[in-house]
Structures are given as structure tokens and as C-alpha cells.
Protein backbone atom coordinates (compact mmCIF):
# COMPACT_ATOMS: atom_id res chain seq x y z
CA MET A 1 4.76 -29.26 -4.02
CA LYS A 2 4.32 -27.71 -0.56
CA ILE A 3 4.67 -23.92 -0.55
CA LEU A 4 5.00 -21.62 2.47
CA THR A 5 4.43 -17.88 2.13
CA VAL A 6 5.53 -15.45 4.84
CA ASP A 7 4.24 -11.90 5.28
CA VAL A 8 6.28 -10.09 7.93
CA GLY A 9 3.84 -7.30 8.77
CA SER A 10 4.24 -4.28 11.00
CA THR A 11 2.07 -5.98 13.65
CA TYR A 12 1.78 -9.68 12.79
CA THR A 13 3.84 -12.22 10.86
CA LYS A 14 1.39 -14.26 8.75
CA LEU A 15 2.11 -17.70 7.30
CA THR A 16 0.13 -19.50 4.58
CA ALA A 17 0.71 -23.16 3.75
CA ILE A 18 -0.26 -24.21 0.20
CA ASP A 19 -0.45 -27.62 -1.47
CA SER A 20 -0.02 -27.06 -5.20
CA GLU A 21 -0.95 -30.63 -6.12
CA ARG A 22 -4.27 -30.50 -4.26
CA HIS A 23 -4.83 -26.85 -5.32
CA GLU A 24 -5.70 -25.70 -1.83
CA ILE A 25 -4.60 -23.60 1.11
CA LEU A 26 -3.90 -26.06 3.91
CA SER A 27 -3.82 -23.61 6.79
CA THR A 28 -2.71 -20.18 7.98
CA ALA A 29 -1.13 -18.96 11.21
CA GLN A 30 0.15 -15.73 12.65
CA SER A 31 2.25 -14.43 15.52
CA PHE A 32 3.24 -10.98 16.74
CA THR A 33 6.10 -9.55 14.65
CA THR A 34 9.34 -9.30 16.66
CA ILE A 35 10.95 -6.52 14.62
CA GLU A 36 12.55 -4.87 17.67
CA THR A 37 14.59 -7.99 18.45
CA ASP A 38 14.78 -10.63 15.71
CA VAL A 39 12.06 -11.24 13.09
CA MET A 40 12.98 -14.94 13.14
CA VAL A 41 11.40 -15.26 16.59
CA GLY A 42 8.03 -14.13 15.25
CA PHE A 43 8.44 -16.38 12.22
CA GLU A 44 9.32 -19.39 14.35
CA ASN A 45 6.42 -18.73 16.72
CA ALA A 46 4.00 -18.60 13.78
CA PHE A 47 5.55 -21.71 12.19
CA ARG A 48 5.19 -23.57 15.48
CA LEU A 49 1.48 -22.69 15.58
CA LEU A 50 1.08 -23.69 11.94
CA THR A 51 2.68 -27.11 12.35
CA GLU A 52 1.72 -28.08 15.89
CA GLU A 53 0.89 -31.75 16.33
CA ARG A 54 -2.89 -31.98 16.55
CA THR A 55 -5.16 -34.55 15.00
CA ASP A 56 -7.27 -31.79 13.41
CA ASN A 57 -4.28 -29.86 12.02
CA PRO A 58 -3.75 -30.41 8.25
CA CYS A 59 -0.26 -28.90 8.62
CA ALA A 60 0.99 -31.08 11.46
CA GLY A 61 4.59 -31.85 10.57
CA PHE A 62 4.37 -29.62 7.48
CA LYS A 63 7.61 -29.26 5.51
CA TYR A 64 7.82 -26.80 2.65
CA ASP A 65 9.53 -27.20 -0.71
CA GLN A 66 9.36 -23.52 -1.59
CA LEU A 67 9.50 -20.40 0.61
CA LEU A 68 8.18 -17.00 -0.57
CA VAL A 69 8.52 -13.89 1.62
CA CYS A 70 7.27 -10.29 1.69
CA SER A 71 7.59 -7.67 4.41
CA SER A 72 6.22 -4.37 5.64
CA ALA A 73 7.85 -4.64 9.06
CA ALA A 74 8.42 -1.43 11.00
CA GLY A 75 6.20 0.45 8.58
CA GLY A 76 7.99 -0.77 5.46
CA LEU A 77 10.13 1.30 3.17
CA LYS A 78 10.13 5.03 4.03
CA MET A 79 10.49 7.38 1.07
CA VAL A 80 10.25 11.02 0.12
CA ALA A 81 9.70 12.09 -3.48
CA LEU A 82 10.87 15.28 -5.19
CA GLY A 83 9.51 16.66 -8.45
CA LEU A 84 9.28 19.86 -10.44
CA VAL A 85 5.57 20.76 -10.50
CA PRO A 86 3.10 19.49 -7.85
CA ASP A 87 0.43 18.33 -10.31
CA LEU A 88 2.89 16.75 -12.74
CA THR A 89 6.30 15.32 -11.92
CA ALA A 90 5.78 15.40 -8.14
CA LYS A 91 2.56 13.42 -8.56
CA ALA A 92 4.28 11.06 -11.01
CA ALA A 93 7.03 10.49 -8.45
CA ARG A 94 4.52 9.71 -5.71
CA THR A 95 2.63 7.30 -7.98
CA ALA A 96 5.82 5.41 -8.88
CA ALA A 97 6.90 5.16 -5.24
CA SER A 98 3.48 4.04 -3.97
CA ASN A 99 3.04 1.40 -6.67
CA ALA A 100 6.45 -0.03 -5.74
CA GLY A 101 5.24 -0.70 -2.21
CA ALA A 102 6.95 2.24 -0.51
CA LYS A 103 5.49 4.39 2.24
CA VAL A 104 5.72 7.91 0.86
CA MET A 105 6.23 10.21 3.82
CA LYS A 106 6.11 13.46 1.86
CA THR A 107 6.28 14.85 -1.68
CA TYR A 108 8.13 18.06 -2.54
CA ALA A 109 7.88 20.28 -5.60
CA TYR A 110 10.18 22.94 -7.09
CA GLU A 111 13.61 23.56 -5.51
CA ILE A 112 13.55 22.49 -1.88
CA SER A 113 14.41 25.04 0.80
CA GLY A 114 16.73 24.83 3.78
CA ASP A 115 13.75 24.12 6.03
CA GLU A 116 12.72 21.29 3.74
CA GLU A 117 16.26 19.89 3.84
CA ARG A 118 15.98 19.76 7.62
CA GLU A 119 12.54 18.18 7.33
CA ILE A 120 13.93 15.38 5.16
CA TYR A 121 16.71 14.92 7.72
CA ASP A 122 14.08 14.48 10.45
CA ILE A 123 12.05 12.03 8.32
CA ASN A 124 15.24 9.98 7.85
CA PRO A 125 13.97 8.12 4.76
CA ASP A 126 15.34 4.85 3.45
CA LEU A 127 15.09 6.12 -0.14
CA VAL A 128 14.58 9.41 -1.97
CA LEU A 129 13.01 9.51 -5.43
CA LEU A 130 14.37 12.51 -7.31
CA CYS A 131 12.40 13.56 -10.39
CA GLY A 132 11.80 16.74 -12.34
CA GLY A 133 11.40 17.95 -15.89
CA THR A 134 10.47 16.17 -19.07
CA ASP A 135 13.35 14.89 -21.19
CA GLY A 136 14.99 17.93 -22.74
CA GLY A 137 12.99 20.32 -20.54
CA ASN A 138 13.84 22.14 -17.31
CA LYS A 139 16.92 20.68 -15.66
CA GLU A 140 17.93 23.46 -13.28
CA VAL A 141 15.54 22.38 -10.50
CA ILE A 142 16.50 18.70 -10.45
CA ILE A 143 20.21 19.62 -10.44
CA ALA A 144 19.68 22.09 -7.59
CA ASN A 145 17.75 19.48 -5.61
CA ALA A 146 20.52 16.92 -6.18
CA LYS A 147 22.97 19.33 -4.58
CA ARG A 148 20.62 19.99 -1.66
CA LEU A 149 20.12 16.27 -1.05
CA CYS A 150 23.88 15.90 -0.78
CA ASN A 151 23.82 18.38 2.12
CA ILE A 152 21.60 16.09 4.19
CA ASP A 153 23.66 13.96 6.56
CA ARG A 154 21.56 10.80 6.32
CA ASP A 155 22.32 7.40 4.82
CA PHE A 156 19.59 7.18 2.19
CA THR A 157 19.89 6.12 -1.44
CA THR A 158 18.59 8.49 -4.11
CA ILE A 159 16.84 7.08 -7.17
CA VAL A 160 17.09 9.60 -10.00
CA ALA A 161 14.19 9.38 -12.46
CA GLY A 162 14.01 12.80 -14.07
CA ASN A 163 15.12 14.78 -17.12
CA LYS A 164 17.75 12.69 -18.90
CA SER A 165 19.53 15.87 -20.03
CA ALA A 166 20.63 16.39 -16.41
CA THR A 167 21.95 12.85 -15.92
CA ASP A 168 25.67 13.56 -16.40
CA GLU A 169 25.70 16.53 -14.00
CA ILE A 170 23.68 14.67 -11.36
CA ARG A 171 25.95 11.63 -11.56
CA GLU A 172 28.95 13.89 -10.95
CA ILE A 173 27.25 15.65 -8.01
CA PHE A 174 26.40 12.44 -6.15
CA THR A 175 29.73 10.78 -6.94
CA GLU A 176 31.76 13.71 -5.63
CA ALA A 177 29.62 13.81 -2.46
CA GLY A 178 30.06 10.08 -1.90
CA LYS A 179 26.29 9.56 -1.81
CA SER A 180 24.52 6.37 -2.85
CA PHE A 181 22.41 6.80 -5.99
CA VAL A 182 20.79 4.94 -8.88
CA ILE A 183 19.81 6.50 -12.22
CA THR A 184 16.83 5.17 -14.16
CA GLU A 185 14.37 6.38 -16.79
CA ASN A 186 12.30 9.54 -16.40
CA VAL A 187 8.92 9.00 -14.71
CA MET A 188 7.45 11.57 -17.11
CA PRO A 189 9.58 11.72 -20.28
CA GLU A 190 6.93 13.74 -22.14
CA PHE A 191 4.25 16.10 -20.93
CA ASN A 192 1.32 14.13 -19.45
CA ARG A 193 2.86 10.71 -20.24
CA LEU A 194 3.71 8.49 -17.28
CA ASN A 195 6.56 5.98 -17.32
CA ILE A 196 6.63 4.67 -13.75
CA GLU A 197 7.71 1.05 -14.27
CA PRO A 198 11.51 1.64 -14.39
CA ALA A 199 11.38 3.72 -11.20
CA ARG A 200 9.12 1.15 -9.56
CA ASP A 201 11.60 -1.63 -10.41
CA ALA A 202 14.51 0.43 -9.07
CA ILE A 203 12.67 1.04 -5.79
CA ARG A 204 11.90 -2.66 -5.45
CA ASN A 205 15.54 -3.57 -6.03
CA MET A 206 16.70 -1.03 -3.45
CA PHE A 207 14.19 -2.45 -0.98
CA ILE A 208 15.88 -5.81 -1.33
CA SER A 209 19.41 -4.47 -0.90
CA ARG A 210 18.75 -2.02 1.96
CA ILE A 211 15.72 -3.06 3.99
CA ILE A 212 16.46 -6.75 4.30
CA GLU A 213 19.55 -6.01 6.37
CA ALA A 214 18.21 -2.92 8.13
CA LYS A 215 15.04 -4.68 9.36
CA GLY A 216 16.80 -7.92 10.30
CA LEU A 217 15.30 -9.96 7.49
CA ASN A 218 18.60 -11.28 6.16
CA ARG A 219 18.17 -14.69 7.81
CA LEU A 220 14.78 -15.17 6.15
CA GLN A 221 16.31 -14.11 2.83
CA SER A 222 19.03 -16.74 3.23
CA MET A 223 16.34 -19.42 3.46
CA THR A 224 14.89 -18.78 -0.02
CA PRO A 225 16.29 -18.17 -3.52
CA HIS A 226 13.38 -15.80 -4.20
CA LYS A 227 13.84 -12.13 -3.35
CA ILE A 228 11.85 -10.65 -0.49
CA ILE A 229 9.49 -7.97 -1.81
CA PRO A 230 7.43 -5.25 -0.06
CA THR A 231 4.07 -6.54 1.17
CA PRO A 232 2.10 -3.75 -0.58
CA LEU A 233 3.66 -4.79 -3.89
CA ALA A 234 2.58 -8.38 -3.26
CA VAL A 235 -0.98 -7.22 -2.54
CA LEU A 236 -0.96 -5.04 -5.66
CA GLN A 237 0.08 -8.07 -7.73
CA ALA A 238 -2.76 -10.08 -6.19
CA CYS A 239 -5.32 -7.39 -6.99
CA GLU A 240 -4.07 -7.13 -10.58
CA LEU A 241 -4.28 -10.91 -10.93
CA LEU A 242 -7.84 -11.09 -9.59
CA SER A 243 -8.97 -8.26 -11.85
CA LYS A 244 -7.25 -9.36 -15.08
CA GLY A 245 -7.20 -13.13 -14.68
CA THR A 246 -4.74 -15.39 -16.49
CA ASP A 247 -4.26 -16.80 -19.97
CA THR A 248 -6.82 -19.50 -19.21
CA GLN A 249 -9.07 -17.93 -16.53
CA GLU A 250 -11.15 -14.75 -16.83
CA GLY A 251 -10.68 -12.04 -14.21
CA VAL A 252 -13.43 -10.34 -12.21
CA GLY A 253 -12.95 -6.89 -13.77
CA ASP A 254 -12.84 -3.52 -12.01
CA LEU A 255 -12.34 -3.52 -8.25
CA LEU A 256 -11.31 -1.46 -5.25
CA ALA A 257 -9.42 -3.07 -2.34
CA VAL A 258 -8.71 -1.57 1.08
CA ASP A 259 -5.93 -3.07 3.22
CA ILE A 260 -6.17 -1.78 6.79
CA GLY A 261 -2.93 -2.53 8.59
CA GLY A 262 -1.36 -1.68 11.90
CA ALA A 263 0.74 1.22 10.58
CA THR A 264 -0.90 2.19 7.27
CA THR A 265 -4.08 1.87 5.25
CA ASP A 266 -3.43 1.04 1.60
CA VAL A 267 -6.02 1.44 -1.17
CA TYR A 268 -5.77 -0.35 -4.52
CA SER A 269 -7.91 0.34 -7.56
CA MET A 270 -7.94 -1.74 -10.73
CA ALA A 271 -9.98 0.43 -13.10
CA SER A 272 -9.47 2.99 -15.84
CA GLY A 273 -11.23 5.65 -13.76
CA GLU A 274 -12.81 7.31 -16.79
CA PRO A 275 -15.62 9.82 -16.09
CA THR A 276 -19.03 8.29 -15.43
CA VAL A 277 -20.89 11.61 -15.72
CA ASP A 278 -21.66 13.19 -19.09
CA SER A 279 -20.05 16.52 -20.04
CA THR A 280 -16.95 15.87 -17.93
CA MET A 281 -13.46 16.99 -18.85
CA THR A 282 -10.39 15.40 -17.26
CA LYS A 283 -7.47 17.42 -15.96
CA GLY A 284 -4.09 16.61 -14.51
CA LEU A 285 -1.97 13.55 -15.16
CA PRO A 286 -3.58 10.42 -16.62
CA GLU A 287 -4.26 7.86 -13.91
CA PRO A 288 -2.69 4.38 -14.07
CA TRP A 289 -5.15 1.51 -14.43
CA SER A 290 -3.44 -0.25 -11.49
CA LYS A 291 -3.04 2.27 -8.67
CA ARG A 292 -2.00 2.11 -5.05
CA THR A 293 -2.07 4.85 -2.46
CA VAL A 294 -0.73 4.48 1.05
CA GLU A 295 -1.85 6.52 4.04
CA GLY A 296 0.94 6.43 6.61
CA ASP A 297 -1.17 8.28 9.18
CA LEU A 298 -4.03 5.76 9.15
CA GLY A 299 -3.50 2.44 10.87
CA MET A 300 -5.20 0.36 13.54
CA ARG A 301 -2.28 0.33 15.97
CA TYR A 302 0.81 2.45 15.27
CA SER A 303 -1.21 5.28 13.65
CA LEU A 304 -4.41 4.84 15.66
CA ARG A 305 -4.15 8.16 17.47
CA HIS A 306 -4.46 10.05 14.18
CA VAL A 307 -7.50 7.99 13.19
CA PHE A 308 -9.03 8.93 16.56
CA GLU A 309 -8.45 12.61 15.80
CA GLN A 310 -10.45 12.24 12.54
CA LEU A 311 -13.55 10.56 13.96
CA ASN A 312 -15.96 13.16 12.58
CA VAL A 313 -15.31 11.81 9.06
CA ALA A 314 -17.44 8.67 9.44
CA PRO A 315 -20.88 8.75 11.13
CA GLN A 316 -20.66 7.22 14.60
CA PRO A 317 -22.58 3.92 14.65
CA THR A 318 -22.40 3.58 18.43
CA THR A 319 -23.32 5.52 21.54
CA ILE A 320 -20.03 4.76 23.26
CA PRO A 321 -18.61 7.89 24.96
CA VAL A 322 -15.61 9.40 23.22
CA GLU A 323 -13.63 9.02 26.46
CA LYS A 324 -13.90 5.23 26.20
CA VAL A 325 -12.79 5.37 22.58
CA GLY A 326 -9.80 7.45 23.63
CA ALA A 327 -8.91 5.00 26.40
CA TRP A 328 -8.97 2.11 23.91
CA VAL A 329 -6.75 4.08 21.53
CA ASP A 330 -4.26 4.74 24.34
CA LEU A 331 -4.16 1.05 25.25
CA CYS A 332 -3.68 -0.14 21.65
CA SER A 333 -0.98 2.46 21.01
CA GLU A 334 0.96 1.33 24.06
CA LYS A 335 0.36 -2.41 23.46
CA PRO A 336 -0.08 -3.03 19.71
CA ASP A 337 -0.82 -6.73 20.21
CA THR A 338 -4.04 -5.90 22.09
CA LEU A 339 -7.16 -7.56 20.66
CA ALA A 340 -10.82 -6.75 21.26
CA MET A 341 -13.00 -9.45 22.78
CA PRO A 342 -16.03 -10.58 20.75
CA ASP A 343 -19.34 -8.86 21.53
CA SER A 344 -17.67 -6.14 23.60
CA GLU A 345 -17.60 -2.35 23.59
CA GLU A 346 -14.02 -2.57 22.37
CA GLU A 347 -15.17 -4.57 19.33
CA LYS A 348 -17.62 -1.78 18.42
CA ILE A 349 -14.88 0.80 18.90
CA GLU A 350 -12.52 -1.16 16.61
CA GLU A 351 -15.19 -1.26 13.90
CA TYR A 352 -15.86 2.46 14.28
CA LEU A 353 -12.17 3.32 14.03
CA GLY A 354 -11.73 0.95 11.08
CA ARG A 355 -14.64 2.53 9.22
CA THR A 356 -13.11 5.97 9.78
CA ALA A 357 -9.74 4.82 8.42
CA VAL A 358 -11.47 3.37 5.34
CA ALA A 359 -13.49 6.55 4.75
CA ILE A 360 -10.45 8.81 4.83
CA ALA A 361 -8.14 6.51 2.85
CA VAL A 362 -10.63 5.87 0.02
CA GLU A 363 -11.50 9.56 -0.20
CA ARG A 364 -7.83 10.41 -0.65
CA HIS A 365 -7.47 7.69 -3.29
CA CYS A 366 -10.45 8.67 -5.42
CA GLY A 367 -10.76 11.56 -7.84
CA ARG A 368 -12.45 14.94 -7.44
CA MET A 369 -15.35 16.23 -9.52
CA GLU A 370 -16.09 19.94 -9.77
CA ASP A 371 -18.80 21.95 -11.52
CA VAL A 372 -17.63 24.42 -14.17
CA TYR A 373 -19.88 27.00 -15.80
CA THR A 374 -18.98 27.61 -19.45
CA PRO A 375 -20.55 29.49 -22.39
CA PHE A 376 -22.03 26.10 -23.34
CA GLY A 377 -23.65 25.60 -19.95
CA LEU A 378 -22.78 23.52 -16.88
CA MET A 379 -19.90 21.09 -17.30
CA HIS A 380 -17.71 19.13 -14.92
CA THR A 381 -14.01 18.54 -14.42
CA LEU A 382 -12.47 15.37 -13.06
CA GLU A 383 -9.03 15.15 -11.50
CA GLY A 384 -8.01 11.62 -10.57
CA LYS A 385 -9.98 8.41 -10.89
CA ASP A 386 -13.77 8.23 -11.09
CA LEU A 387 -14.62 5.05 -9.18
CA MET A 388 -18.34 5.65 -8.69
CA ASN A 389 -19.30 2.66 -10.85
CA VAL A 390 -16.76 0.20 -9.45
CA PRO A 391 -18.85 -2.89 -8.62
CA MET A 392 -16.58 -4.60 -6.08
CA VAL A 393 -14.94 -3.43 -2.82
CA ILE A 394 -12.65 -5.92 -1.07
CA GLY A 395 -11.65 -5.69 2.58
CA ILE A 396 -8.17 -6.85 3.58
CA GLY A 397 -6.55 -6.71 7.00
CA GLY A 398 -7.07 -7.83 10.56
CA VAL A 399 -9.77 -5.36 11.54
CA VAL A 400 -12.17 -6.52 8.79
CA ARG A 401 -11.15 -10.18 8.95
CA ASN A 402 -11.66 -10.36 12.71
CA SER A 403 -14.84 -8.31 12.76
CA ARG A 404 -18.25 -9.93 12.98
CA HIS A 405 -19.59 -6.96 10.97
CA PRO A 406 -16.98 -6.29 8.25
CA LYS A 407 -19.55 -4.73 5.95
CA GLU A 408 -20.10 -1.90 8.42
CA ILE A 409 -16.37 -1.13 8.33
CA LEU A 410 -16.21 -1.22 4.52
CA LYS A 411 -19.18 1.13 4.21
CA GLY A 412 -16.64 3.85 4.86
CA SER A 413 -15.68 3.42 1.19
CA LEU A 414 -19.12 4.51 -0.07
CA TYR A 415 -20.01 7.76 -1.80
CA ASP A 416 -20.89 10.40 0.80
CA VAL A 417 -23.16 13.33 -0.10
CA ARG A 418 -21.32 15.43 2.49
CA HIS A 419 -18.30 15.18 0.18
CA ALA A 420 -20.20 15.21 -3.11
CA GLY A 421 -17.16 15.96 -5.26
CA CYS A 422 -15.36 12.77 -4.22
CA THR A 423 -15.88 9.95 -6.72
CA LYS A 424 -16.22 7.05 -4.28
CA PRO A 425 -18.14 3.88 -5.28
CA ARG A 426 -21.91 4.34 -5.13
CA SER A 427 -23.36 0.85 -4.84
CA PRO A 428 -20.69 -1.86 -4.86
CA LYS A 429 -20.91 -5.34 -3.44
CA PHE A 430 -18.57 -6.00 -0.52
CA TYR A 431 -16.09 -8.86 -0.35
CA LEU A 432 -13.61 -10.12 2.20
CA ASP A 433 -10.15 -11.64 2.05
CA GLN A 434 -11.42 -14.19 4.54
CA ARG A 435 -8.10 -15.84 5.40
CA TYR A 436 -5.76 -12.86 4.92
CA ILE A 437 -4.11 -14.41 1.87
CA TYR A 438 -3.79 -11.54 -0.65
CA ALA A 439 -0.12 -10.94 0.06
CA ALA A 440 0.44 -14.71 -0.10
CA MET A 441 -1.31 -14.95 -3.48
CA GLY A 442 0.70 -12.01 -4.82
CA LEU A 443 3.84 -13.91 -3.87
CA LEU A 444 2.52 -17.15 -5.35
CA SER A 445 1.64 -15.39 -8.62
CA MET A 446 5.35 -14.89 -9.26
CA THR A 447 5.84 -18.66 -9.57
CA ASP A 448 2.36 -20.04 -10.42
CA ARG A 449 -0.20 -17.52 -11.70
CA GLU A 450 -2.87 -20.09 -12.53
CA LEU A 451 -2.89 -21.58 -9.04
CA ALA A 452 -2.73 -18.14 -7.40
CA PHE A 453 -5.75 -16.93 -9.38
CA GLU A 454 -7.73 -20.07 -8.63
CA LEU A 455 -7.09 -19.71 -4.89
CA ILE A 456 -7.62 -15.96 -4.61
CA LYS A 457 -10.94 -16.16 -6.44
CA LYS A 458 -12.05 -18.97 -4.14
CA GLU A 459 -10.97 -17.17 -0.96
CA THR A 460 -12.54 -13.78 -1.85
CA VAL A 461 -16.05 -14.16 -0.44
CA GLU A 462 -19.03 -11.82 -0.61
CA ILE A 463 -20.07 -10.30 2.72
CA ASP A 464 -23.72 -10.63 3.64
CA LYS A 465 -23.62 -8.64 6.87
């Protein structure tokens, strides 16, 4: 069987051709995403490159039997999340939204104010995740926030995943206001117990029903019986597959993956995150073994200006004047399809900016360790995941794939004594998604897990420089 996977990214549309009988990836191709006009143009351009008639092209005349598609075009699915308490239900809401592949623009706690209503109006999200209260607990805040959301004159759908005791009143509020809504299970039904899968599934389903049409992907959807899913969800599925393995093949174990895109930088960790230091107490919500965070202000094209503003985070490996870095950022922001030439100053700048994006994104993803002095002596507290002993860091995305020094970019993920409380990996080995196929393998895992695992393990190569 010939399989074609399509990843409609914010910058590039990537195609991967797979031969399931020969158990190999035949070829890949990409073209600039044409989200402002018609995504089919970018798809057709990439398909033309993939199948062009050349004697050295294994995909010349390629015809697929199965088409699988994911998308993060135009920045993907924009969401805001509302919860009751910042460290509890608001964090649970953000975790559910991020793991579903959404781009969480902001998280709110307690009853939102008029200013926050206006802020949500300005964000203009595709979806809102409304949470708050354990089952049988506080329901006043989630009901008040439901009413406030109905005041916002935007066409978003609200996914309600909070206190089930408030369900009847919330259903009545949204119905009377004529607002689109979906009710699912509470993301935190009991204190300190997460239940994010139902909300994650609801978000994925809403992605299919809303974003496909809004981003012009309906023609691609009509070409396949399989539902289009968010690209970050496909990558998450690939990372889970590589870490856990299959019924017949053993996984690689704990890992951290960093996907540096044009609009966002996503970080994925497959690890329990238990404390690695003795005499450490955990606080806050338990962390999911499979975790994704998305940084909407860190990207190599659409969010590059913000990365430039944070350059003091990663040590500068070059002597290039900051004015030249700024000029490159201006050019890439105006023309996102701009590429750096090999062995040029621009190539060094790209690596420097990429390393900065990695440093910030991984720091935000990891946990925080603090010293606490008790009657029993010095102890420590950990909030979030301790990833200091994670043995494997994987680089995904154009900036690492196209770099001649991807290891230098990924070193941004390493533990930094200047931020000693951050539990970044100390001494991992670095690997590369050498043909940009993680999203493709996440898609393939939905129909053939064994083949997807075999290919992703083969294509994930250790970096020696």
C-alpha cells in the first residue's frame, strides 16, 4: 500500500510518501503553505515536487492508496482556558488544551472581569475551555464565567469541563444566549486528580468541525475518509509511540522533544517527572506522563521578533552585531519563506535564535525546584516535572533539520546554573528527526502502529555535531 501523509504547517506544507510493503519512506517534499489564498495550492506544489519525473526520484508518478492529514496552518487552533484556582483547575484546563494540540493564548482563574472579557474578545479564540470546581464543589465561579462568556460577541465554541453540579444551569445559560457549546467530563473531578482525556477528545472533535472550514482545509478533508487532526497532536502521538513502543517492539523510554516551528515552539516530555534529588517533596497538580506545552510567542518566523527580544537567555555563540541579527529578524518577519544560505552569517543567526527559542521553551516546560528549611534540616520542593535525568532530547523542525550544527541549537535544552531551580536535562544525548517525519508517523500510527514505530525509530538519528 502507498500512503501519503500531509502536514499543513504554518510556514510549510510537508508531504511524506510511504511504501508499507517495503517498510520504508520513499521520499519527502515541502512547499510554502498558501493559507492566505487556498491551501490546495501549497499541497499541489509540494505534490508536484514529490512526484516530478526524474530518473533518481523514487516517487516519480507516485499514486497513493491512503491519505492522512494534519494541520497547524495559521498558527493552529487558538484557545483560552478558564478555571477556578490558578494552580489547580486553571492548570488542568491548560494541560488538557495543550495536549489536544491547541495553542493556548491565555489562562484565566477565578471569575473573569470586564477587562478580561474585552481581552478575550481581542484574542478572538476558536475555542474556549471552561472549567472550575471539583464535582460537588464550588459552582458559583464557573456559572458566573459562563454568563460572562455569553457577553462576548465572538463566534467561538465553549467546551465545558468543570463541576458537574453546575451542568444544568450552564446548559440553560448557553442555550438561551444562542452560543455554541459542548459539555464533557470535569478535567479535575476530585482534588489533585486529573481527567483530561474527555476534554482533549472534545477539543480534537471541535478542531475538525470548525478549523477545517475556517482555514480552507475542507477540500483536503474531502479527499480522505480519515479526519484531519492538529499537527501537535500528531507529533504527541509519535513521541508516545517512540517512548512506549508497540505490542511487539520495545520503546526507547523517557524522552524530551522540541518542535521549533514558524509560529510556535512545542515541547513534549514522555516521563513521569518524579524527583531525582533526595529529600524532595512535590507540590501542585500531578504531572501527566505524556505532556505537551506550546509557546505561542516563540517561533522562527511569525513569532521571531519576540525571540529576538529574549536573546539574553541563551549565551551568544557568535560575534555578529545585534544590529545584523535585528535586520535578519525584520526580513524573516516580512518574508516568512526566507531561508539562510549555508555557511553564512544568516545561518549563524538562525542557529542563535533557534537555541534561544529552545532555551526558553524547555525552561517553561520543566519543573521548578526550591530549597526549604525545615526543623529536620534542608529539604526541597518540586512543582512540575523533574527532567534532569532524561537521557534523550530530540530536535524537530526546520531550523534544526536544516542546520549544519543542530546540536548547538538543542543545547538550549540543557540545565543552566544561572537558572538552578529549573529541572532541565543535565547530560542527555541529542537526536534529530532527520526527515521531518514525526507528524507523519503520528498520523501513520492511527492506522499502522507497528510500521510507524519501525520507521520513526529508524529516522531518529543521534547527532554527533
